[in-house]
Amino acid sequence: MATQRHYYQPTAYPYHHAPSKAPASASLYPISRVSGSPPDFSDASTTAGSRSSGGLTFSSAGEYDSSFASYSGVDVVDVLSDRMQDAFDPTPLDKGLARQAQTSGQLNAKQQELLELQALAQRRLKGARANFSEGLKTARETKRDLEWTQKRVSALKAKAEKAHPEEYRRSSKKYVYDDY
């Protein structure tokens, strides 16, 4: 049984199609559209014998005959590479990468600034706590001193009243002090 092989027949149209591009405001990346759909194969053609697809002949063992894959001197890798270069514009990605690097740098700078401010706030809080503790200690000492002075003044007043009652009464009328 002779196997039938299909060969690539160039069409009148050029093989290089320019991709369609979406408007810049709608999307940052170009969109390419390929016309046509893949060939349909029945289950019978894929289970036994051989089949061909676009100039490549496949056998039932899963191998293909590459001797007919040249497409009349056209290098498929170059064609696909050219199409990818035309369909893909790296400029938006480069701009996005630059923006990402800039934002990352700004974020790192802000993070460092926050760490420095946090350390400064902790130092200030430590100083404020020390000052507050010192202030409490001073307030307690002052209260103790005032209480001792009040006791001492009260004791002297009682002693003066007992020792000189008449003079104490006259001075009390002349100088009135509030009792605390």
Protein backbone atom coordinates (compact mmCIF):
# COMPACT_ATOMS: atom_id res chain seq x y z
CA MET A 1 0.00 0.00 0.00
CA ALA A 2 1.47 3.29 -1.03
CA THR A 3 1.45 6.10 1.43
CA GLN A 4 0.23 9.35 0.17
CA ARG A 5 2.31 12.35 1.15
CA HIS A 6 1.15 15.89 1.17
CA TYR A 7 3.54 18.66 0.24
CA TYR A 8 3.38 22.27 1.17
CA GLN A 9 2.02 24.41 -1.60
CA PRO A 10 2.78 28.14 -1.17
CA THR A 11 -0.23 30.36 -1.66
CA ALA A 12 -0.43 33.67 -3.45
CA TYR A 13 -0.53 35.45 -0.08
CA PRO A 14 2.69 36.15 1.77
CA TYR A 15 3.34 33.79 4.69
CA HIS A 16 4.13 36.64 7.03
CA HIS A 17 1.01 38.14 8.62
CA ALA A 18 1.26 41.30 10.68
CA PRO A 19 -0.47 40.98 14.04
CA SER A 20 -3.42 43.12 14.82
CA LYS A 21 -2.83 45.47 17.73
CA ALA A 22 -5.36 46.64 20.25
CA PRO A 23 -5.60 50.38 20.97
CA ALA A 24 -3.03 51.55 23.48
CA SER A 25 -5.65 52.70 25.97
CA ALA A 26 -7.40 49.31 26.02
CA SER A 27 -4.35 47.15 26.66
CA LEU A 28 -0.65 47.53 27.18
CA TYR A 29 0.21 44.41 25.20
CA PRO A 30 -0.42 43.67 21.51
CA ILE A 31 -2.83 40.89 20.62
CA SER A 32 -2.20 38.75 17.56
CA ARG A 33 -4.93 36.83 15.82
CA VAL A 34 -4.34 33.83 13.60
CA SER A 35 -6.98 33.14 11.00
CA GLY A 36 -8.18 29.62 10.47
CA SER A 37 -8.49 26.65 12.76
CA PRO A 38 -6.46 23.47 13.19
CA PRO A 39 -7.29 20.62 10.82
CA ASP A 40 -9.86 18.09 11.99
CA PHE A 41 -8.81 14.47 12.18
CA SER A 42 -11.08 11.53 12.65
CA ASP A 43 -10.32 8.85 15.21
CA ALA A 44 -9.57 6.42 12.41
CA SER A 45 -6.77 8.52 11.01
CA THR A 46 -5.02 8.79 14.35
CA THR A 47 -5.17 5.17 15.42
CA ALA A 48 -3.69 3.35 12.45
CA GLY A 49 -1.54 4.06 9.45
CA SER A 50 -0.07 7.49 8.89
CA ARG A 51 -1.37 10.96 8.68
CA SER A 52 0.11 14.20 7.48
CA SER A 53 -0.25 17.66 8.87
CA GLY A 54 1.06 20.77 7.21
CA GLY A 55 3.86 19.04 5.32
CA LEU A 56 4.98 16.69 8.11
CA THR A 57 4.18 13.01 7.73
CA PHE A 58 3.50 11.08 10.90
CA SER A 59 3.59 7.31 11.17
CA SER A 60 1.70 5.15 13.61
CA ALA A 61 4.89 4.71 15.65
CA GLY A 62 4.79 8.40 16.58
CA GLU A 63 7.70 9.42 14.37
CA TYR A 64 7.60 11.93 11.55
CA ASP A 65 9.44 12.24 8.31
CA SER A 66 11.35 15.52 8.41
CA SER A 67 12.59 15.32 4.87
CA PHE A 68 9.47 17.10 3.66
CA ALA A 69 9.38 19.68 6.45
CA SER A 70 11.41 22.34 4.70
CA TYR A 71 8.37 24.07 3.12
CA SER A 72 10.17 24.94 -0.08
CA GLY A 73 13.27 26.44 1.52
CA VAL A 74 11.48 28.40 4.26
CA ASP A 75 13.05 28.10 7.68
CA VAL A 76 10.17 27.54 10.11
CA VAL A 77 12.15 28.68 13.13
CA ASP A 78 13.02 31.97 11.47
CA VAL A 79 9.42 32.51 10.38
CA LEU A 80 8.09 31.82 13.88
CA SER A 81 10.82 33.97 15.41
CA ASP A 82 9.96 36.86 13.07
CA ARG A 83 6.26 36.50 13.84
CA MET A 84 6.93 36.50 17.59
CA GLN A 85 9.11 39.59 17.30
CA ASP A 86 6.43 41.37 15.31
CA ALA A 87 3.60 40.21 17.57
CA PHE A 88 5.33 40.97 20.85
CA ASP A 89 6.37 44.50 21.76
CA PRO A 90 8.63 44.42 24.86
CA THR A 91 8.41 48.18 25.46
CA PRO A 92 5.41 48.01 27.84
CA LEU A 93 7.11 45.22 29.75
CA ASP A 94 10.31 47.24 29.99
CA LYS A 95 8.37 50.26 31.22
CA GLY A 96 6.50 48.09 33.70
CA LEU A 97 9.73 46.54 34.92
CA ALA A 98 11.31 49.98 35.33
CA ARG A 99 8.22 51.21 37.21
CA GLN A 100 8.30 48.09 39.39
CA ALA A 101 12.00 48.62 40.19
CA GLN A 102 11.37 52.27 40.99
CA THR A 103 8.40 51.42 43.22
CA SER A 104 10.40 48.68 44.90
CA GLY A 105 13.22 51.13 45.60
CA GLN A 106 10.78 53.67 47.03
CA LEU A 107 9.16 50.97 49.15
CA ASN A 108 12.54 49.85 50.48
CA ALA A 109 13.47 53.46 51.29
CA LYS A 110 10.18 53.97 53.13
CA GLN A 111 10.68 50.69 54.99
CA GLN A 112 14.16 51.81 56.07
CA GLU A 113 12.79 55.21 57.09
CA LEU A 114 10.05 53.52 59.13
CA LEU A 115 12.62 51.31 60.88
CA GLU A 116 14.72 54.37 61.74
CA LEU A 117 11.67 56.26 63.01
CA GLN A 118 10.63 53.24 65.05
CA ALA A 119 14.09 53.05 66.64
CA LEU A 120 13.98 56.80 67.36
CA ALA A 121 10.51 56.47 68.92
CA GLN A 122 11.72 53.59 71.10
CA ARG A 123 14.70 55.65 72.28
CA ARG A 124 12.43 58.61 73.04
CA LEU A 125 9.97 56.37 74.87
CA LYS A 126 12.79 54.90 76.93
CA GLY A 127 13.94 58.44 77.81
CA ALA A 128 10.38 59.53 78.64
CA ARG A 129 9.93 56.50 80.90
CA ALA A 130 13.19 57.29 82.68
CA ASN A 131 12.14 60.94 83.10
CA PHE A 132 8.71 59.89 84.35
CA SER A 133 10.24 57.45 86.82
CA GLU A 134 12.63 60.15 88.04
CA GLY A 135 9.69 62.59 88.32
CA LEU A 136 7.69 60.09 90.41
CA LYS A 137 10.67 59.56 92.68
CA THR A 138 11.09 63.33 93.12
CA ALA A 139 7.35 63.78 93.78
CA ARG A 140 7.44 61.11 96.50
CA GLU A 141 10.47 62.72 98.12
CA THR A 142 8.79 66.14 97.98
CA LYS A 143 5.62 64.74 99.53
CA ARG A 144 7.64 63.14 102.32
CA ASP A 145 9.50 66.40 102.91
CA LEU A 146 6.23 68.38 103.00
CA GLU A 147 4.68 65.92 105.43
CA TRP A 148 7.76 66.12 107.69
CA THR A 149 7.71 69.95 107.48
CA GLN A 150 3.98 70.02 108.27
CA LYS A 151 4.52 67.81 111.30
CA ARG A 152 7.43 69.95 112.43
CA VAL A 153 5.43 73.22 112.01
CA SER A 154 2.45 71.71 113.87
CA ALA A 155 4.75 70.59 116.69
CA LEU A 156 6.36 74.04 116.93
CA LYS A 157 2.93 75.70 116.89
CA ALA A 158 1.67 73.46 119.70
CA LYS A 159 4.86 74.10 121.70
CA ALA A 160 4.54 77.90 121.20
CA GLU A 161 0.88 77.81 122.22
CA LYS A 162 1.69 75.98 125.45
CA ALA A 163 4.72 78.09 126.30
CA HIS A 164 3.16 81.50 125.52
CA PRO A 165 -0.65 81.20 125.40
CA GLU A 166 -1.46 84.91 125.70
CA GLU A 167 0.99 86.04 122.98
CA TYR A 168 -0.11 83.16 120.76
CA ARG A 169 -3.78 84.21 121.01
CA ARG A 170 -2.96 87.88 120.12
CA SER A 171 -0.81 86.87 117.15
CA SER A 172 -3.49 84.43 116.00
CA LYS A 173 -6.01 87.28 115.88
CA LYS A 174 -3.56 89.57 114.11
CA TYR A 175 -2.34 86.93 111.56
CA VAL A 176 -5.01 84.53 110.40
CA TYR A 177 -3.74 81.36 108.67
CA ASP A 178 -5.86 78.67 107.09
CA ASP A 179 -5.42 75.24 108.59
CA TYR A 180 -4.70 72.62 106.02
